[in-house]
Structure formats: C-alpha cells, structure tokens
Amino acid sequence: MKAALLVNGGEPLQLTDVPIPELSPGHVKVRVAAAGLNPLDTKIRAGKASHAQHPLPAVLGIDLAGTVEAIAEDVTTFALGDTVFGMTGGVGGVQGALAQFAIVDAALLANAPSSFSAREAAAIPLVFITAWEGLVDRAGVKSGQRVLIHGGAGGVGHVAVQIAHAFGAQVFATGNDTQRDYIESLGATFIDYRAQAVDDYVAQHTGGEGFDIIFDTVGGTTLDDSFRAARRYHGHVVSALGWGTHSLAPLSFRAATYSGVFTLLPLITGRDRAHHGYIMKQAERLANEGKLTIRLDPHVFGLSAVEEAYQFLESGDAQERWL
C-alpha cells in the first residue's frame, strides 16, 4: 500500500510503498477515505511532542474515517462495508492514518455520522474526544451550569461549546472580535478576552461568583486566568494544555478544583480504548441529531500531497485542521 512515511523527525514525509499489516485479533482493516490533521500531528512530525513518542520510521496521522474491508473473527461490532471513524494511531508505535489502509483496534471506532462526509468525520475524533473527556468525564457538565470555554472558535473549543450546549448548559466562550459571529452562531455568549479583564467578565456574567466549569484549550496565562474565574466552592477548571508552572493559590482561595486531560493515553498504554469508542458513538449521535457541526478548511490535500498539508498547517493559515 502507499503510505506517507516519516523516516527522521523534522524531515519531509516520504510517499512510499509499505506492506499492509496483518489483521490481528480485535482489529479491523480500514480503507482510509480521509485523515484528520491537527497541530499535535505537526509536533509529532517535528519530534517536539515528548508526550506523544512514535518509533521511527513510522506512518503518522491520528484521526481517520474510512470503510471496513476485513474483520477479525472475534470482532462482532462492525460489518464489511461499514463507514467508521476514530482516533486510531500515529503515536505509541500504532500505525497512523496517512496510508491507503490501516489495521485498527475495533474498540477505538464507531460508525461515522450518516450525514457527514468522510472529510467531516475525519476532522472530529481528536477534538471531540478531548472536549468530551474534559466536560463530561472530568467536570460532569449538566443542565443549568454556567460553562466558559476558552478559545471557543478553535478546534477543541468549537466542539466543546456544542457539547456543553447539548447538555443544557449556559455557554460562554472567549475569542477575538473577528470570531464573535461564529461563536455566537454556536449558541454561546461571546467574551472578547482582549477587551475585557477576567474580573470584569466574571462580574458581568456570574455576578462575581464565577463559572461552574471552565475549559481551557489555550494554556499558559489563560489557565491562570481560569483559576481566577472559577465559581466559589463548586467551580471546576479543566485544561487540555495544563503544562508549565502555575500557582494554584487563586483556585485554592475559591475552594475550586482542577483536572487535566491527556487524550492520547489509551493509544499509548493500550488501556481503556473502549471508552474512546463510546465517545465516538456520542459524536455520531450528536451529529445525526443535528447538534454537532465541524469546521473544515476549504483546501484539499491528497495522500501524495501530505507534506504540503503539514506545511500549510504549520504556516498558521489553516481555518481548521484536516487533511
């Protein structure tokens, strides 16, 4: 099969012929129709993601959508011809999506939304799983809560807004003024983080009490701001980028709590993969109910142009991450 192979970190990907891996118990063979491309993919390619090591040479690509072409005898959850999607490889020595075929742990997959194209389906897994783990698994989002999403127009952010809204929460999202219309179209109250200080928007939208849940998709000083914006006694801050050194004092003084999200753990460790399959089923359900949309950049890159796709994403010009 054709595959985009990374031989050495930081070097261009090479389109080459590699053997199709053998089907193993618990796995299915997927003909890849589309592969998602995220900022994390560019860090892995550059060898700058110490938390997402991938032995080289390797086929990269974390997210995929495609068609089931072969099934191990012990797999009963899928049938030949099913269209599936999931976060399936590209780290931890697991073959990624940038190839014509992938042998995928069936536990990681779900049927793709019937109303979505392969491109749309392939853009969902990493961002949806990250958002779901933060809001649902860690923070227990529920109806009536005030939820603040930092970076509401970003990859994880725009999905997190929609998940919180689907659970009946009152959703607020930060962004810059050019993102106002899009954030508001998702049903969130827009907050211009450049024009309004943390204490000011906490006072305006919560009467000074703070937000029940804050999801930080930005990191750095935004996480510090999140600690100051948490609701007294009951607030919970979640971050997908909780790295670096941060003072917990503002959070402690509000008697609030914090959780981190490490979405890659099931792929790297091999544990709890079925939960990712469950989350993908929730993505399918919300999409089929009309409660989930995904942003796509209008540029199209085929497998033979995968190096161009990486360069485009690294340029910062991409509207949304996908391949």
C-alpha atoms as a PDB file:
ATOM      1  CA  MET A   1       0.000   0.000   0.000  1.00  0.00           C
ATOM      2  CA  LYS A   2       1.015   3.624  -0.386  1.00  0.00           C
ATOM      3  CA  ALA A   3       1.835   5.449   2.825  1.00  0.00           C
ATOM      4  CA  ALA A   4       3.405   8.733   3.916  1.00  0.00           C
ATOM      5  CA  LEU A   5       6.415   7.633   5.934  1.00  0.00           C
ATOM      6  CA  LEU A   6       8.397   9.695   8.428  1.00  0.00           C
ATOM      7  CA  VAL A   7      11.959   8.361   8.470  1.00  0.00           C
ATOM      8  CA  ASN A   8      13.593  11.012  10.675  1.00  0.00           C
ATOM      9  CA  GLY A   9      11.936  13.607  12.888  1.00  0.00           C
ATOM     10  CA  GLY A  10      11.624  17.024  11.293  1.00  0.00           C
ATOM     11  CA  GLU A  11      12.273  15.756   7.780  1.00  0.00           C
ATOM     12  CA  PRO A  12       9.700  15.753   4.947  1.00  0.00           C
ATOM     13  CA  LEU A  13       7.305  12.817   4.796  1.00  0.00           C
ATOM     14  CA  GLN A  14       8.048  10.332   2.025  1.00  0.00           C
ATOM     15  CA  LEU A  15       5.318   8.710  -0.069  1.00  0.00           C
ATOM     16  CA  THR A  16       6.398   5.106  -0.395  1.00  0.00           C
ATOM     17  CA  ASP A  17       5.207   1.506  -0.645  1.00  0.00           C
ATOM     18  CA  VAL A  18       4.939  -0.423   2.622  1.00  0.00           C
ATOM     19  CA  PRO A  19       3.414  -3.815   3.439  1.00  0.00           C
ATOM     20  CA  ILE A  20      -0.195  -3.870   4.629  1.00  0.00           C
ATOM     21  CA  PRO A  21      -0.042  -5.048   8.271  1.00  0.00           C
ATOM     22  CA  GLU A  22      -1.657  -8.384   9.047  1.00  0.00           C
ATOM     23  CA  LEU A  23      -5.103  -8.421  10.621  1.00  0.00           C
ATOM     24  CA  SER A  24      -4.868  -9.303  14.311  1.00  0.00           C
ATOM     25  CA  PRO A  25      -7.481 -10.309  16.931  1.00  0.00           C
ATOM     26  CA  GLY A  26      -9.744  -7.445  17.984  1.00  0.00           C
ATOM     27  CA  HIS A  27      -8.910  -5.410  14.886  1.00  0.00           C
ATOM     28  CA  VAL A  28     -10.442  -4.436  11.556  1.00  0.00           C
ATOM     29  CA  LYS A  29      -8.882  -3.452   8.263  1.00  0.00           C
ATOM     30  CA  VAL A  30      -9.994   0.010   7.169  1.00  0.00           C
ATOM     31  CA  ARG A  31      -9.605   1.520   3.723  1.00  0.00           C
ATOM     32  CA  VAL A  32      -8.778   5.126   4.640  1.00  0.00           C
ATOM     33  CA  ALA A  33     -11.006   7.704   2.958  1.00  0.00           C
ATOM     34  CA  ALA A  34      -9.807  10.781   4.885  1.00  0.00           C
ATOM     35  CA  ALA A  35      -7.290  11.560   7.616  1.00  0.00           C
ATOM     36  CA  GLY A  36      -7.537  14.409  10.107  1.00  0.00           C
ATOM     37  CA  LEU A  37      -4.594  16.725  10.651  1.00  0.00           C
ATOM     38  CA  ASN A  38      -4.175  18.566  13.963  1.00  0.00           C
ATOM     39  CA  PRO A  39      -1.489  20.828  15.430  1.00  0.00           C
ATOM     40  CA  LEU A  40      -0.365  17.839  17.507  1.00  0.00           C
ATOM     41  CA  ASP A  41       0.429  15.981  14.283  1.00  0.00           C
ATOM     42  CA  THR A  42       2.889  18.697  13.291  1.00  0.00           C
ATOM     43  CA  LYS A  43       4.627  18.475  16.674  1.00  0.00           C
ATOM     44  CA  ILE A  44       4.961  14.699  16.372  1.00  0.00           C
ATOM     45  CA  ARG A  45       6.402  15.085  12.872  1.00  0.00           C
ATOM     46  CA  ALA A  46       8.939  17.642  14.169  1.00  0.00           C
ATOM     47  CA  GLY A  47       9.933  15.436  17.107  1.00  0.00           C
ATOM     48  CA  LYS A  48       8.726  18.081  19.565  1.00  0.00           C
ATOM     49  CA  ALA A  49       5.994  16.083  21.309  1.00  0.00           C
ATOM     50  CA  SER A  50       7.747  14.221  24.122  1.00  0.00           C
ATOM     51  CA  HIS A  51       4.362  13.060  25.414  1.00  0.00           C
ATOM     52  CA  ALA A  52       3.478  11.511  22.040  1.00  0.00           C
ATOM     53  CA  GLN A  53       6.506   9.459  21.059  1.00  0.00           C
ATOM     54  CA  HIS A  54       6.285   7.371  17.885  1.00  0.00           C
ATOM     55  CA  PRO A  55       9.134   4.993  16.949  1.00  0.00           C
ATOM     56  CA  LEU A  56      10.595   5.801  13.528  1.00  0.00           C
ATOM     57  CA  PRO A  57      10.255   5.100  10.670  1.00  0.00           C
ATOM     58  CA  ALA A  58       6.519   5.497  11.101  1.00  0.00           C
ATOM     59  CA  VAL A  59       3.207   6.220   9.442  1.00  0.00           C
ATOM     60  CA  LEU A  60       1.716   9.280  11.178  1.00  0.00           C
ATOM     61  CA  GLY A  61      -1.867  10.562  11.339  1.00  0.00           C
ATOM     62  CA  ILE A  62      -4.054  10.379  14.449  1.00  0.00           C
ATOM     63  CA  ASP A  63      -7.615  10.663  13.061  1.00  0.00           C
ATOM     64  CA  LEU A  64      -9.273   8.767  10.237  1.00  0.00           C
ATOM     65  CA  ALA A  65     -12.519   7.912   8.514  1.00  0.00           C
ATOM     66  CA  GLY A  66     -12.919   5.021   6.138  1.00  0.00           C
ATOM     67  CA  THR A  67     -14.593   1.744   5.183  1.00  0.00           C
ATOM     68  CA  VAL A  68     -14.251  -1.636   6.893  1.00  0.00           C
ATOM     69  CA  GLU A  69     -12.753  -4.150   4.447  1.00  0.00           C
ATOM     70  CA  ALA A  70     -11.828  -7.068   6.715  1.00  0.00           C
ATOM     71  CA  ILE A  71     -12.761  -8.108  10.246  1.00  0.00           C
ATOM     72  CA  ALA A  72     -11.016 -10.335  12.783  1.00  0.00           C
ATOM     73  CA  GLU A  73     -13.075 -13.362  13.838  1.00  0.00           C
ATOM     74  CA  ASP A  74     -13.569 -12.069  17.384  1.00  0.00           C
ATOM     75  CA  VAL A  75     -14.966  -8.663  16.291  1.00  0.00           C
ATOM     76  CA  THR A  76     -18.777  -8.523  16.262  1.00  0.00           C
ATOM     77  CA  THR A  77     -19.391  -4.778  16.389  1.00  0.00           C
ATOM     78  CA  PHE A  78     -18.853  -3.977  12.700  1.00  0.00           C
ATOM     79  CA  ALA A  79     -19.746  -5.430   9.326  1.00  0.00           C
ATOM     80  CA  LEU A  80     -17.961  -5.335   5.994  1.00  0.00           C
ATOM     81  CA  GLY A  81     -18.660  -2.057   4.237  1.00  0.00           C
ATOM     82  CA  ASP A  82     -19.369  -0.066   7.411  1.00  0.00           C
ATOM     83  CA  THR A  83     -18.158   3.538   7.323  1.00  0.00           C
ATOM     84  CA  VAL A  84     -16.242   4.191  10.537  1.00  0.00           C
ATOM     85  CA  PHE A  85     -14.212   6.921  12.219  1.00  0.00           C
ATOM     86  CA  GLY A  86     -11.951   7.306  15.217  1.00  0.00           C
ATOM     87  CA  MET A  87      -8.691   8.423  16.776  1.00  0.00           C
ATOM     88  CA  THR A  88      -6.740   5.340  15.828  1.00  0.00           C
ATOM     89  CA  GLY A  89      -2.949   5.720  15.730  1.00  0.00           C
ATOM     90  CA  GLY A  90       0.042   7.844  14.846  1.00  0.00           C
ATOM     91  CA  VAL A  91       1.539   7.598  18.351  1.00  0.00           C
ATOM     92  CA  GLY A  92       2.949   4.918  20.603  1.00  0.00           C
ATOM     93  CA  GLY A  93       4.040   2.674  17.746  1.00  0.00           C
ATOM     94  CA  VAL A  94       0.487   2.303  16.403  1.00  0.00           C
ATOM     95  CA  GLN A  95       0.239   2.823  12.630  1.00  0.00           C
ATOM     96  CA  GLY A  96      -1.355   6.130  11.729  1.00  0.00           C
ATOM     97  CA  ALA A  97      -3.911   7.189   9.145  1.00  0.00           C
ATOM     98  CA  LEU A  98      -1.649   8.533   6.391  1.00  0.00           C
ATOM     99  CA  ALA A  99      -1.853   5.369   4.298  1.00  0.00           C
ATOM    100  CA  GLN A 100      -4.287   3.613   1.987  1.00  0.00           C
ATOM    101  CA  PHE A 101      -5.164   1.077   4.700  1.00  0.00           C
ATOM    102  CA  ALA A 102      -4.944   0.834   8.465  1.00  0.00           C
ATOM    103  CA  ILE A 103      -5.316  -2.111  10.835  1.00  0.00           C
ATOM    104  CA  VAL A 104      -7.323  -0.572  13.671  1.00  0.00           C
ATOM    105  CA  ASP A 105      -8.311  -1.716  17.152  1.00  0.00           C
ATOM    106  CA  ALA A 106     -12.088  -2.042  16.764  1.00  0.00           C
ATOM    107  CA  ALA A 107     -12.591  -0.695  20.291  1.00  0.00           C
ATOM    108  CA  LEU A 108     -11.471   2.742  19.077  1.00  0.00           C
ATOM    109  CA  LEU A 109     -14.052   3.011  16.300  1.00  0.00           C
ATOM    110  CA  ALA A 110     -17.691   3.931  15.817  1.00  0.00           C
ATOM    111  CA  ASN A 111     -19.932   4.174  12.780  1.00  0.00           C
ATOM    112  CA  ALA A 112     -19.448   7.556  11.138  1.00  0.00           C
ATOM    113  CA  PRO A 113     -22.364  10.045  11.190  1.00  0.00           C
ATOM    114  CA  SER A 114     -24.698   9.313   8.300  1.00  0.00           C
ATOM    115  CA  SER A 115     -24.999  12.995   7.423  1.00  0.00           C
ATOM    116  CA  PHE A 116     -21.237  13.688   7.377  1.00  0.00           C
ATOM    117  CA  SER A 117     -18.753  13.376   4.539  1.00  0.00           C
ATOM    118  CA  ALA A 118     -15.562  11.395   5.107  1.00  0.00           C
ATOM    119  CA  ARG A 119     -13.691  14.699   5.438  1.00  0.00           C
ATOM    120  CA  GLU A 120     -16.075  15.917   8.136  1.00  0.00           C
ATOM    121  CA  ALA A 121     -15.912  12.610  10.008  1.00  0.00           C
ATOM    122  CA  ALA A 122     -12.108  12.544   9.939  1.00  0.00           C
ATOM    123  CA  ALA A 123     -11.942  16.040  11.455  1.00  0.00           C
ATOM    124  CA  ILE A 124     -13.908  15.009  14.559  1.00  0.00           C
ATOM    125  CA  PRO A 125     -12.111  12.370  16.680  1.00  0.00           C
ATOM    126  CA  LEU A 126      -9.231  14.093  18.491  1.00  0.00           C
ATOM    127  CA  VAL A 127     -11.053  17.354  19.145  1.00  0.00           C
ATOM    128  CA  PHE A 128     -14.317  15.673  20.166  1.00  0.00           C
ATOM    129  CA  ILE A 129     -12.674  13.145  22.485  1.00  0.00           C
ATOM    130  CA  THR A 130     -10.640  15.913  24.139  1.00  0.00           C
ATOM    131  CA  ALA A 131     -13.713  18.084  24.627  1.00  0.00           C
ATOM    132  CA  TRP A 132     -15.863  15.199  25.899  1.00  0.00           C
ATOM    133  CA  GLU A 133     -13.248  13.940  28.351  1.00  0.00           C
ATOM    134  CA  GLY A 134     -12.870  17.444  29.773  1.00  0.00           C
ATOM    135  CA  LEU A 135     -16.508  18.476  30.010  1.00  0.00           C
ATOM    136  CA  VAL A 136     -18.262  15.158  30.634  1.00  0.00           C
ATOM    137  CA  ASP A 137     -15.741  12.744  32.149  1.00  0.00           C
ATOM    138  CA  ARG A 138     -13.811  15.226  34.296  1.00  0.00           C
ATOM    139  CA  ALA A 139     -16.223  18.093  35.004  1.00  0.00           C
ATOM    140  CA  GLY A 140     -19.607  16.303  34.816  1.00  0.00           C
ATOM    141  CA  VAL A 141     -21.322  19.059  32.828  1.00  0.00           C
ATOM    142  CA  LYS A 142     -25.073  19.280  33.349  1.00  0.00           C
ATOM    143  CA  SER A 143     -28.076  21.406  32.551  1.00  0.00           C
ATOM    144  CA  GLY A 144     -28.195  24.892  34.024  1.00  0.00           C
ATOM    145  CA  GLN A 145     -24.496  25.274  34.703  1.00  0.00           C
ATOM    146  CA  ARG A 146     -22.505  28.256  33.510  1.00  0.00           C
ATOM    147  CA  VAL A 147     -19.697  26.909  31.328  1.00  0.00           C
ATOM    148  CA  LEU A 148     -16.827  29.016  29.992  1.00  0.00           C
ATOM    149  CA  ILE A 149     -14.828  27.718  27.019  1.00  0.00           C
ATOM    150  CA  HIS A 150     -11.510  29.471  26.393  1.00  0.00           C
ATOM    151  CA  GLY A 151     -10.763  29.530  22.664  1.00  0.00           C
ATOM    152  CA  GLY A 152     -14.338  28.913  21.579  1.00  0.00           C
ATOM    153  CA  ALA A 153     -13.612  29.149  17.844  1.00  0.00           C
ATOM    154  CA  GLY A 154     -10.673  26.723  17.910  1.00  0.00           C
ATOM    155  CA  GLY A 155     -10.603  23.025  17.102  1.00  0.00           C
ATOM    156  CA  VAL A 156     -11.369  21.659  20.576  1.00  0.00           C
ATOM    157  CA  GLY A 157     -13.128  24.875  21.593  1.00  0.00           C
ATOM    158  CA  HIS A 158     -15.889  24.934  18.975  1.00  0.00           C
ATOM    159  CA  VAL A 159     -16.716  21.295  19.693  1.00  0.00           C
ATOM    160  CA  ALA A 160     -16.681  21.901  23.464  1.00  0.00           C
ATOM    161  CA  VAL A 161     -19.180  24.737  23.039  1.00  0.00           C
ATOM    162  CA  GLN A 162     -21.535  22.389  21.197  1.00  0.00           C
ATOM    163  CA  ILE A 163     -21.187  19.557  23.726  1.00  0.00           C
ATOM    164  CA  ALA A 164     -21.885  21.892  26.652  1.00  0.00           C
ATOM    165  CA  HIS A 165     -24.869  23.334  24.804  1.00  0.00           C
ATOM    166  CA  ALA A 166     -26.198  19.829  24.086  1.00  0.00           C
ATOM    167  CA  PHE A 167     -26.127  19.077  27.819  1.00  0.00           C
ATOM    168  CA  GLY A 168     -28.246  22.138  28.528  1.00  0.00           C
ATOM    169  CA  ALA A 169     -25.534  24.355  29.972  1.00  0.00           C
ATOM    170  CA  GLN A 170     -25.409  28.125  29.601  1.00  0.00           C
ATOM    171  CA  VAL A 171     -22.289  28.518  27.476  1.00  0.00           C
ATOM    172  CA  PHE A 172     -19.812  31.396  27.276  1.00  0.00           C
ATOM    173  CA  ALA A 173     -16.722  31.419  25.050  1.00  0.00           C
ATOM    174  CA  THR A 174     -13.695  33.647  24.673  1.00  0.00           C
ATOM    175  CA  GLY A 175     -12.236  34.737  21.349  1.00  0.00           C
ATOM    176  CA  ASN A 176     -11.174  37.790  19.420  1.00  0.00           C
ATOM    177  CA  ASP A 177     -13.640  40.156  17.807  1.00  0.00           C
ATOM    178  CA  THR A 178     -13.331  38.521  14.364  1.00  0.00           C
ATOM    179  CA  GLN A 179     -14.638  35.282  15.904  1.00  0.00           C
ATOM    180  CA  ARG A 180     -17.703  36.812  17.547  1.00  0.00           C
ATOM    181  CA  ASP A 181     -20.246  35.878  14.872  1.00  0.00           C
ATOM    182  CA  TYR A 182     -19.074  32.290  14.653  1.00  0.00           C
ATOM    183  CA  ILE A 183     -19.032  31.757  18.426  1.00  0.00           C
ATOM    184  CA  GLU A 184     -22.491  33.254  18.753  1.00  0.00           C
ATOM    185  CA  SER A 185     -23.754  31.052  15.894  1.00  0.00           C
ATOM    186  CA  LEU A 186     -22.882  28.048  18.085  1.00  0.00           C
ATOM    187  CA  GLY A 187     -25.178  29.339  20.818  1.00  0.00           C
ATOM    188  CA  ALA A 188     -22.535  30.763  23.152  1.00  0.00           C
ATOM    189  CA  THR A 189     -22.239  34.202  24.697  1.00  0.00           C
ATOM    190  CA  PHE A 190     -19.127  35.817  23.253  1.00  0.00           C
ATOM    191  CA  ILE A 191     -16.417  37.262  25.524  1.00  0.00           C
ATOM    192  CA  ASP A 192     -13.644  39.357  23.947  1.00  0.00           C
ATOM    193  CA  TYR A 193     -10.635  38.353  26.051  1.00  0.00           C
ATOM    194  CA  ARG A 194      -8.608  41.234  24.617  1.00  0.00           C
ATOM    195  CA  ALA A 195     -11.105  43.907  25.569  1.00  0.00           C
ATOM    196  CA  GLN A 196     -12.354  42.649  28.928  1.00  0.00           C
ATOM    197  CA  ALA A 197     -10.411  41.633  32.033  1.00  0.00           C
ATOM    198  CA  VAL A 198     -11.168  38.380  33.861  1.00  0.00           C
ATOM    199  CA  ASP A 199     -12.667  40.047  36.928  1.00  0.00           C
ATOM    200  CA  ASP A 200     -14.877  42.191  34.692  1.00  0.00           C
ATOM    201  CA  TYR A 201     -16.458  39.369  32.704  1.00  0.00           C
ATOM    202  CA  VAL A 202     -16.829  37.232  35.832  1.00  0.00           C
ATOM    203  CA  ALA A 203     -18.724  40.116  37.422  1.00  0.00           C
ATOM    204  CA  GLN A 204     -20.821  40.735  34.310  1.00  0.00           C
ATOM    205  CA  HIS A 205     -21.870  37.149  33.590  1.00  0.00           C
ATOM    206  CA  THR A 206     -21.858  35.476  37.018  1.00  0.00           C
ATOM    207  CA  GLY A 207     -22.385  38.308  39.499  1.00  0.00           C
ATOM    208  CA  GLY A 208     -18.825  37.780  40.706  1.00  0.00           C
ATOM    209  CA  GLU A 209     -19.416  34.163  41.758  1.00  0.00           C
ATOM    210  CA  GLY A 210     -17.502  32.555  38.910  1.00  0.00           C
ATOM    211  CA  PHE A 211     -18.261  29.858  36.329  1.00  0.00           C
ATOM    212  CA  ASP A 212     -19.249  26.315  37.259  1.00  0.00           C
ATOM    213  CA  ILE A 213     -16.937  24.821  34.629  1.00  0.00           C
ATOM    214  CA  ILE A 214     -14.055  26.416  32.746  1.00  0.00           C
ATOM    215  CA  PHE A 215     -12.430  24.539  29.870  1.00  0.00           C
ATOM    216  CA  ASP A 216      -9.004  25.907  28.932  1.00  0.00           C
ATOM    217  CA  THR A 217      -7.968  24.968  25.384  1.00  0.00           C
ATOM    218  CA  VAL A 218      -5.257  27.636  25.189  1.00  0.00           C
ATOM    219  CA  GLY A 219      -2.838  27.044  28.081  1.00  0.00           C
ATOM    220  CA  GLY A 220      -0.260  29.407  29.546  1.00  0.00           C
ATOM    221  CA  THR A 221      -1.660  32.515  31.209  1.00  0.00           C
ATOM    222  CA  THR A 222      -5.171  31.518  30.106  1.00  0.00           C
ATOM    223  CA  LEU A 223      -5.030  28.658  32.607  1.00  0.00           C
ATOM    224  CA  ASP A 224      -4.018  31.123  35.326  1.00  0.00           C
ATOM    225  CA  ASP A 225      -6.993  33.292  34.342  1.00  0.00           C
ATOM    226  CA  SER A 226      -9.226  30.228  34.565  1.00  0.00           C
ATOM    227  CA  PHE A 227      -8.273  29.689  38.210  1.00  0.00           C
ATOM    228  CA  ARG A 228      -9.449  33.225  38.984  1.00  0.00           C
ATOM    229  CA  ALA A 229     -12.752  32.749  37.161  1.00  0.00           C
ATOM    230  CA  ALA A 230     -13.895  29.525  38.864  1.00  0.00           C
ATOM    231  CA  ARG A 231     -17.044  29.521  40.968  1.00  0.00           C
ATOM    232  CA  ARG A 232     -16.536  29.607  44.730  1.00  0.00           C
ATOM    233  CA  TYR A 233     -16.823  26.167  46.396  1.00  0.00           C
ATOM    234  CA  HIS A 234     -18.165  24.363  43.315  1.00  0.00           C
ATOM    235  CA  GLY A 235     -16.112  25.559  40.318  1.00  0.00           C
ATOM    236  CA  HIS A 236     -14.063  23.122  38.242  1.00  0.00           C
ATOM    237  CA  VAL A 237     -11.272  24.021  35.815  1.00  0.00           C
ATOM    238  CA  VAL A 238     -10.261  21.594  33.062  1.00  0.00           C
ATOM    239  CA  SER A 239      -7.292  22.073  30.752  1.00  0.00           C
ATOM    240  CA  ALA A 240      -6.057  20.205  27.701  1.00  0.00           C
ATOM    241  CA  LEU A 241      -2.814  22.203  27.897  1.00  0.00           C
ATOM    242  CA  GLY A 242      -2.034  22.210  31.602  1.00  0.00           C
ATOM    243  CA  TRP A 243       1.736  22.299  31.211  1.00  0.00           C
ATOM    244  CA  GLY A 244       4.312  24.562  32.768  1.00  0.00           C
ATOM    245  CA  THR A 245       4.356  26.097  36.230  1.00  0.00           C
ATOM    246  CA  HIS A 246       1.183  27.636  37.637  1.00  0.00           C
ATOM    247  CA  SER A 247       0.159  28.987  41.016  1.00  0.00           C
ATOM    248  CA  LEU A 248      -2.821  27.132  42.467  1.00  0.00           C
ATOM    249  CA  ALA A 249      -3.446  29.820  45.075  1.00  0.00           C
ATOM    250  CA  PRO A 250      -6.263  31.613  43.166  1.00  0.00           C
ATOM    251  CA  LEU A 251      -8.037  28.281  42.697  1.00  0.00           C
ATOM    252  CA  SER A 252      -7.494  27.208  46.299  1.00  0.00           C
ATOM    253  CA  PHE A 253      -8.785  30.514  47.653  1.00  0.00           C
ATOM    254  CA  ARG A 254     -12.039  29.879  45.753  1.00  0.00           C
ATOM    255  CA  ALA A 255     -12.197  26.279  47.066  1.00  0.00           C
ATOM    256  CA  ALA A 256     -12.460  25.079  43.459  1.00  0.00           C
ATOM    257  CA  THR A 257     -10.939  22.052  41.706  1.00  0.00           C
ATOM    258  CA  TYR A 258      -8.800  21.219  38.647  1.00  0.00           C
ATOM    259  CA  SER A 259      -8.440  18.320  36.183  1.00  0.00           C
ATOM    260  CA  GLY A 260      -6.108  17.701  33.272  1.00  0.00           C
ATOM    261  CA  VAL A 261      -6.955  15.921  30.022  1.00  0.00           C
ATOM    262  CA  PHE A 262      -4.471  13.624  28.262  1.00  0.00           C
ATOM    263  CA  THR A 263      -6.400  12.319  25.275  1.00  0.00           C
ATOM    264  CA  LEU A 264      -3.629  10.082  23.903  1.00  0.00           C
ATOM    265  CA  LEU A 265      -3.353   7.836  26.976  1.00  0.00           C
ATOM    266  CA  PRO A 266      -5.464   4.895  25.663  1.00  0.00           C
ATOM    267  CA  LEU A 267      -3.491   4.819  22.406  1.00  0.00           C
ATOM    268  CA  ILE A 268      -0.146   4.936  24.193  1.00  0.00           C
ATOM    269  CA  THR A 269      -0.953   2.484  27.007  1.00  0.00           C
ATOM    270  CA  GLY A 270      -3.487   0.226  25.288  1.00  0.00           C
ATOM    271  CA  ARG A 271      -5.852   0.676  28.253  1.00  0.00           C
ATOM    272  CA  ASP A 272      -9.464   1.945  28.262  1.00  0.00           C
ATOM    273  CA  ARG A 273      -9.677   2.090  24.476  1.00  0.00           C
ATOM    274  CA  ALA A 274     -13.330   1.055  24.524  1.00  0.00           C
ATOM    275  CA  HIS A 275     -14.161   4.326  26.235  1.00  0.00           C
ATOM    276  CA  HIS A 276     -12.868   6.214  23.206  1.00  0.00           C
ATOM    277  CA  GLY A 277     -15.113   4.076  21.040  1.00  0.00           C
ATOM    278  CA  TYR A 278     -18.004   5.017  23.327  1.00  0.00           C
ATOM    279  CA  ILE A 279     -17.167   8.715  22.983  1.00  0.00           C
ATOM    280  CA  MET A 280     -17.106   8.365  19.207  1.00  0.00           C
ATOM    281  CA  LYS A 281     -20.599   6.867  19.388  1.00  0.00           C
ATOM    282  CA  GLN A 282     -21.701  10.013  21.236  1.00  0.00           C
ATOM    283  CA  ALA A 283     -20.193  12.122  18.451  1.00  0.00           C
ATOM    284  CA  GLU A 284     -22.140  10.063  15.908  1.00  0.00           C
ATOM    285  CA  ARG A 285     -25.343  10.527  17.906  1.00  0.00           C
ATOM    286  CA  LEU A 286     -24.988  14.302  18.307  1.00  0.00           C
ATOM    287  CA  ALA A 287     -24.087  14.731  14.644  1.00  0.00           C
ATOM    288  CA  ASN A 288     -27.075  12.671  13.489  1.00  0.00           C
ATOM    289  CA  GLU A 289     -29.321  14.711  15.809  1.00  0.00           C
ATOM    290  CA  GLY A 290     -28.068  17.939  14.219  1.00  0.00           C
ATOM    291  CA  LYS A 291     -26.310  19.039  17.423  1.00  0.00           C
ATOM    292  CA  LEU A 292     -22.745  18.830  16.131  1.00  0.00           C
ATOM    293  CA  THR A 293     -21.084  20.560  13.192  1.00  0.00           C
ATOM    294  CA  ILE A 294     -17.393  20.659  12.322  1.00  0.00           C
ATOM    295  CA  ARG A 295     -15.393  23.431  10.683  1.00  0.00           C
ATOM    296  CA  LEU A 296     -13.378  22.498   7.612  1.00  0.00           C
ATOM    297  CA  ASP A 297     -10.693  24.420   5.795  1.00  0.00           C
ATOM    298  CA  PRO A 298     -11.592  24.635   2.084  1.00  0.00           C
ATOM    299  CA  HIS A 299      -8.160  23.383   0.963  1.00  0.00           C
ATOM    300  CA  VAL A 300      -7.940  19.730  -0.090  1.00  0.00           C
ATOM    301  CA  PHE A 301      -4.775  17.612   0.127  1.00  0.00           C
ATOM    302  CA  GLY A 302      -4.451  14.048  -1.124  1.00  0.00           C
ATOM    303  CA  LEU A 303      -2.047  11.446   0.212  1.00  0.00           C
ATOM    304  CA  SER A 304       0.536  12.386  -2.411  1.00  0.00           C
ATOM    305  CA  ALA A 305       0.465  15.980  -1.133  1.00  0.00           C
ATOM    306  CA  VAL A 306       0.626  15.205   2.567  1.00  0.00           C
ATOM    307  CA  GLU A 307       3.874  17.139   3.056  1.00  0.00           C
ATOM    308  CA  GLU A 308       2.146  20.228   1.630  1.00  0.00           C
ATOM    309  CA  ALA A 309      -0.697  19.714   4.100  1.00  0.00           C
ATOM    310  CA  TYR A 310       1.703  19.716   7.045  1.00  0.00           C
ATOM    311  CA  GLN A 311       3.428  22.839   5.780  1.00  0.00           C
ATOM    312  CA  PHE A 312       0.080  24.555   5.304  1.00  0.00           C
ATOM    313  CA  LEU A 313      -0.978  23.808   8.864  1.00  0.00           C
ATOM    314  CA  GLU A 314       2.391  24.936  10.214  1.00  0.00           C
ATOM    315  CA  SER A 315       2.032  28.226   8.324  1.00  0.00           C
ATOM    316  CA  GLY A 316      -0.898  29.209  10.527  1.00  0.00           C
ATOM    317  CA  ASP A 317      -3.143  29.844   7.525  1.00  0.00           C
ATOM    318  CA  ALA A 318      -5.456  26.875   8.044  1.00  0.00           C
ATOM    319  CA  GLN A 319      -9.021  27.718   9.063  1.00  0.00           C
ATOM    320  CA  GLU A 320      -9.396  24.283  10.574  1.00  0.00           C
ATOM    321  CA  ARG A 321      -7.209  21.230  10.875  1.00  0.00           C
ATOM    322  CA  TRP A 322      -7.936  18.428   8.474  1.00  0.00           C
ATOM    323  CA  LEU A 323      -6.483  16.515   5.546  1.00  0.00           C
END
